[in-house]
Amino acid sequence: MPKKELHIRITERRMNKLRLYAAQKDKTITQIVEDLLDTLPEPQKESITAG
């Protein structure tokens, strides 16, 4: 599956927290974000709105 890029703005404090967490887990920030996204429930089709 092709990869897409995601650009977000977060505070320096949160970025530092994310970097430290990733280093402690020996993972990349991308892996941490993907793992978190994988824990989200699947959206219900009827609740998705175009917009």
PDB file of N, CA and C in Angstrom:
ATOM      1  N   MET A   1       0.850  -1.175   0.000  1.00  0.00           N
ATOM      2  CA  MET A   1       0.000   0.000   0.000  1.00  0.00           C
ATOM      3  C   MET A   1       0.899   1.242   0.000  1.00  0.00           C
ATOM      4  N   PRO A   2       0.632   2.190  -0.882  1.00  0.00           N
ATOM      5  CA  PRO A   2       1.464   3.400  -0.925  1.00  0.00           C
ATOM      6  C   PRO A   2       1.355   4.196   0.372  1.00  0.00           C
ATOM      7  N   LYS A   3       2.432   4.819   0.741  1.00  0.00           N
ATOM      8  CA  LYS A   3       2.468   5.632   1.961  1.00  0.00           C
ATOM      9  C   LYS A   3       2.092   7.070   1.636  1.00  0.00           C
ATOM     10  N   LYS A   4       1.467   7.720   2.578  1.00  0.00           N
ATOM     11  CA  LYS A   4       1.120   9.136   2.476  1.00  0.00           C
ATOM     12  C   LYS A   4       1.854   9.879   3.578  1.00  0.00           C
ATOM     13  N   GLU A   5       2.018  11.170   3.414  1.00  0.00           N
ATOM     14  CA  GLU A   5       2.653  11.996   4.430  1.00  0.00           C
ATOM     15  C   GLU A   5       1.601  12.698   5.259  1.00  0.00           C
ATOM     16  N   LEU A   6       1.924  12.905   6.535  1.00  0.00           N
ATOM     17  CA  LEU A   6       1.049  13.624   7.443  1.00  0.00           C
ATOM     18  C   LEU A   6       1.895  14.694   8.122  1.00  0.00           C
ATOM     19  N   HIS A   7       1.459  15.917   8.011  1.00  0.00           N
ATOM     20  CA  HIS A   7       2.155  17.037   8.649  1.00  0.00           C
ATOM     21  C   HIS A   7       1.237  17.602   9.718  1.00  0.00           C
ATOM     22  N   ILE A   8       1.756  17.682  10.937  1.00  0.00           N
ATOM     23  CA  ILE A   8       0.966  18.243  12.025  1.00  0.00           C
ATOM     24  C   ILE A   8       1.800  19.273  12.773  1.00  0.00           C
ATOM     25  N   ARG A   9       1.122  20.152  13.471  1.00  0.00           N
ATOM     26  CA  ARG A   9       1.789  21.133  14.320  1.00  0.00           C
ATOM     27  C   ARG A   9       1.491  20.784  15.764  1.00  0.00           C
ATOM     28  N   ILE A  10       2.534  20.579  16.540  1.00  0.00           N
ATOM     29  CA  ILE A  10       2.366  20.304  17.956  1.00  0.00           C
ATOM     30  C   ILE A  10       3.361  21.155  18.733  1.00  0.00           C
ATOM     31  N   THR A  11       3.114  21.296  20.019  1.00  0.00           N
ATOM     32  CA  THR A  11       4.000  22.106  20.835  1.00  0.00           C
ATOM     33  C   THR A  11       5.360  21.426  20.969  1.00  0.00           C
ATOM     34  N   GLU A  12       6.348  22.224  21.282  1.00  0.00           N
ATOM     35  CA  GLU A  12       7.695  21.685  21.487  1.00  0.00           C
ATOM     36  C   GLU A  12       7.689  20.668  22.625  1.00  0.00           C
ATOM     37  N   ARG A  13       6.907  20.951  23.667  1.00  0.00           N
ATOM     38  CA  ARG A  13       6.824  20.031  24.805  1.00  0.00           C
ATOM     39  C   ARG A  13       6.303  18.658  24.363  1.00  0.00           C
ATOM     40  N   ARG A  14       5.256  18.652  23.551  1.00  0.00           N
ATOM     41  CA  ARG A  14       4.709  17.390  23.072  1.00  0.00           C
ATOM     42  C   ARG A  14       5.681  16.679  22.134  1.00  0.00           C
ATOM     43  N   MET A  15       6.378  17.441  21.308  1.00  0.00           N
ATOM     44  CA  MET A  15       7.350  16.829  20.403  1.00  0.00           C
ATOM     45  C   MET A  15       8.475  16.173  21.188  1.00  0.00           C
ATOM     46  N   ASN A  16       8.954  16.856  22.215  1.00  0.00           N
ATOM     47  CA  ASN A  16      10.004  16.278  23.057  1.00  0.00           C
ATOM     48  C   ASN A  16       9.516  15.018  23.755  1.00  0.00           C
ATOM     49  N   LYS A  17       8.287  15.057  24.231  1.00  0.00           N
ATOM     50  CA  LYS A  17       7.690  13.887  24.880  1.00  0.00           C
ATOM     51  C   LYS A  17       7.616  12.721  23.904  1.00  0.00           C
ATOM     52  N   LEU A  18       7.205  13.004  22.687  1.00  0.00           N
ATOM     53  CA  LEU A  18       7.100  11.974  21.650  1.00  0.00           C
ATOM     54  C   LEU A  18       8.467  11.408  21.301  1.00  0.00           C
ATOM     55  N   ARG A  19       9.452  12.264  21.156  1.00  0.00           N
ATOM     56  CA  ARG A  19      10.820  11.801  20.855  1.00  0.00           C
ATOM     57  C   ARG A  19      11.362  10.893  21.957  1.00  0.00           C
ATOM     58  N   LEU A  20      11.169  11.309  23.197  1.00  0.00           N
ATOM     59  CA  LEU A  20      11.645  10.504  24.323  1.00  0.00           C
ATOM     60  C   LEU A  20      10.933   9.161  24.387  1.00  0.00           C
ATOM     61  N   TYR A  21       9.630   9.180  24.195  1.00  0.00           N
ATOM     62  CA  TYR A  21       8.859   7.945  24.224  1.00  0.00           C
ATOM     63  C   TYR A  21       9.316   6.996  23.120  1.00  0.00           C
ATOM     64  N   ALA A  22       9.500   7.524  21.920  1.00  0.00           N
ATOM     65  CA  ALA A  22       9.953   6.695  20.800  1.00  0.00           C
ATOM     66  C   ALA A  22      11.330   6.109  21.083  1.00  0.00           C
ATOM     67  N   ALA A  23      12.217   6.906  21.642  1.00  0.00           N
ATOM     68  CA  ALA A  23      13.558   6.419  21.961  1.00  0.00           C
ATOM     69  C   ALA A  23      13.503   5.315  23.018  1.00  0.00           C
ATOM     70  N   GLN A  24      12.661   5.497  24.024  1.00  0.00           N
ATOM     71  CA  GLN A  24      12.536   4.483  25.084  1.00  0.00           C
ATOM     72  C   GLN A  24      11.985   3.173  24.542  1.00  0.00           C
ATOM     73  N   LYS A  25      11.108   3.252  23.567  1.00  0.00           N
ATOM     74  CA  LYS A  25      10.503   2.061  22.969  1.00  0.00           C
ATOM     75  C   LYS A  25      11.324   1.519  21.804  1.00  0.00           C
ATOM     76  N   ASP A  26      12.419   2.217  21.467  1.00  0.00           N
ATOM     77  CA  ASP A  26      13.274   1.849  20.339  1.00  0.00           C
ATOM     78  C   ASP A  26      12.460   1.756  19.042  1.00  0.00           C
ATOM     79  N   LYS A  27      11.629   2.777  18.825  1.00  0.00           N
ATOM     80  CA  LYS A  27      10.795   2.869  17.628  1.00  0.00           C
ATOM     81  C   LYS A  27      10.954   4.258  17.031  1.00  0.00           C
ATOM     82  N   THR A  28      10.518   4.398  15.786  1.00  0.00           N
ATOM     83  CA  THR A  28      10.500   5.717  15.165  1.00  0.00           C
ATOM     84  C   THR A  28       9.221   6.432  15.585  1.00  0.00           C
ATOM     85  N   ILE A  29       9.209   7.736  15.396  1.00  0.00           N
ATOM     86  CA  ILE A  29       7.996   8.496  15.678  1.00  0.00           C
ATOM     87  C   ILE A  29       6.866   8.018  14.772  1.00  0.00           C
ATOM     88  N   THR A  30       7.177   7.702  13.542  1.00  0.00           N
ATOM     89  CA  THR A  30       6.165   7.174  12.623  1.00  0.00           C
ATOM     90  C   THR A  30       5.550   5.898  13.179  1.00  0.00           C
ATOM     91  N   GLN A  31       6.373   5.006  13.699  1.00  0.00           N
ATOM     92  CA  GLN A  31       5.857   3.765  14.258  1.00  0.00           C
ATOM     93  C   GLN A  31       4.958   4.019  15.471  1.00  0.00           C
ATOM     94  N   ILE A  32       5.340   4.984  16.302  1.00  0.00           N
ATOM     95  CA  ILE A  32       4.525   5.320  17.472  1.00  0.00           C
ATOM     96  C   ILE A  32       3.165   5.855  17.032  1.00  0.00           C
ATOM     97  N   VAL A  33       3.158   6.762  16.066  1.00  0.00           N
ATOM     98  CA  VAL A  33       1.899   7.345  15.590  1.00  0.00           C
ATOM     99  C   VAL A  33       1.040   6.265  14.924  1.00  0.00           C
ATOM    100  N   GLU A  34       1.644   5.412  14.109  1.00  0.00           N
ATOM    101  CA  GLU A  34       0.887   4.342  13.463  1.00  0.00           C
ATOM    102  C   GLU A  34       0.294   3.386  14.498  1.00  0.00           C
ATOM    103  N   ASP A  35       1.065   3.042  15.525  1.00  0.00           N
ATOM    104  CA  ASP A  35       0.554   2.171  16.590  1.00  0.00           C
ATOM    105  C   ASP A  35      -0.639   2.807  17.289  1.00  0.00           C
ATOM    106  N   LEU A  36      -0.540   4.095  17.562  1.00  0.00           N
ATOM    107  CA  LEU A  36      -1.654   4.798  18.206  1.00  0.00           C
ATOM    108  C   LEU A  36      -2.888   4.806  17.302  1.00  0.00           C
ATOM    109  N   LEU A  37      -2.689   5.105  16.036  1.00  0.00           N
ATOM    110  CA  LEU A  37      -3.814   5.127  15.096  1.00  0.00           C
ATOM    111  C   LEU A  37      -4.469   3.751  14.987  1.00  0.00           C
ATOM    112  N   ASP A  38      -3.672   2.708  15.068  1.00  0.00           N
ATOM    113  CA  ASP A  38      -4.216   1.346  14.988  1.00  0.00           C
ATOM    114  C   ASP A  38      -5.090   1.004  16.189  1.00  0.00           C
ATOM    115  N   THR A  39      -4.954   1.722  17.301  1.00  0.00           N
ATOM    116  CA  THR A  39      -5.783   1.456  18.480  1.00  0.00           C
ATOM    117  C   THR A  39      -7.148   2.136  18.395  1.00  0.00           C
ATOM    118  N   LEU A  40      -7.321   3.059  17.459  1.00  0.00           N
ATOM    119  CA  LEU A  40      -8.601   3.753  17.323  1.00  0.00           C
ATOM    120  C   LEU A  40      -9.659   2.793  16.782  1.00  0.00           C
ATOM    121  N   PRO A  41     -10.903   2.930  17.257  1.00  0.00           N
ATOM    122  CA  PRO A  41     -11.955   2.054  16.731  1.00  0.00           C
ATOM    123  C   PRO A  41     -12.256   2.379  15.268  1.00  0.00           C
ATOM    124  N   GLU A  42     -12.714   1.379  14.558  1.00  0.00           N
ATOM    125  CA  GLU A  42     -13.102   1.591  13.161  1.00  0.00           C
ATOM    126  C   GLU A  42     -14.345   2.470  13.137  1.00  0.00           C
ATOM    127  N   PRO A  43     -14.374   3.497  12.283  1.00  0.00           N
ATOM    128  CA  PRO A  43     -15.548   4.368  12.219  1.00  0.00           C
ATOM    129  C   PRO A  43     -16.748   3.621  11.642  1.00  0.00           C
ATOM    130  N   GLN A  44     -17.919   3.990  12.127  1.00  0.00           N
ATOM    131  CA  GLN A  44     -19.169   3.432  11.589  1.00  0.00           C
ATOM    132  C   GLN A  44     -19.434   4.105  10.252  1.00  0.00           C
ATOM    133  N   LYS A  45     -19.803   3.337   9.245  1.00  0.00           N
ATOM    134  CA  LYS A  45     -20.031   3.914   7.920  1.00  0.00           C
ATOM    135  C   LYS A  45     -21.108   4.978   7.913  1.00  0.00           C
ATOM    136  N   GLU A  46     -22.181   4.794   8.689  1.00  0.00           N
ATOM    137  CA  GLU A  46     -23.260   5.759   8.665  1.00  0.00           C
ATOM    138  C   GLU A  46     -22.902   7.058   9.367  1.00  0.00           C
ATOM    139  N   SER A  47     -21.830   7.051  10.187  1.00  0.00           N
ATOM    140  CA  SER A  47     -21.463   8.283  10.894  1.00  0.00           C
ATOM    141  C   SER A  47     -20.443   9.123  10.123  1.00  0.00           C
ATOM    142  N   ILE A  48     -19.960   8.617   9.004  1.00  0.00           N
ATOM    143  CA  ILE A  48     -18.999   9.372   8.196  1.00  0.00           C
ATOM    144  C   ILE A  48     -19.764  10.351   7.300  1.00  0.00           C
ATOM    145  N   THR A  49     -19.387  11.610   7.364  1.00  0.00           N
ATOM    146  CA  THR A  49     -20.065  12.616   6.536  1.00  0.00           C
ATOM    147  C   THR A  49     -19.070  13.227   5.577  1.00  0.00           C
ATOM    148  N   ALA A  50     -19.532  13.572   4.407  1.00  0.00           N
ATOM    149  CA  ALA A  50     -18.673  14.239   3.425  1.00  0.00           C
ATOM    150  C   ALA A  50     -18.502  15.678   3.858  1.00  0.00           C
ATOM    151  N   GLY A  51     -17.297  16.170   3.637  1.00  0.00           N
ATOM    152  CA  GLY A  51     -17.227  17.497   4.079  1.00  0.00           C
ATOM    153  C   GLY A  51     -16.155  18.337   3.770  1.00  0.00           C
TER     154      GLY A  51
END
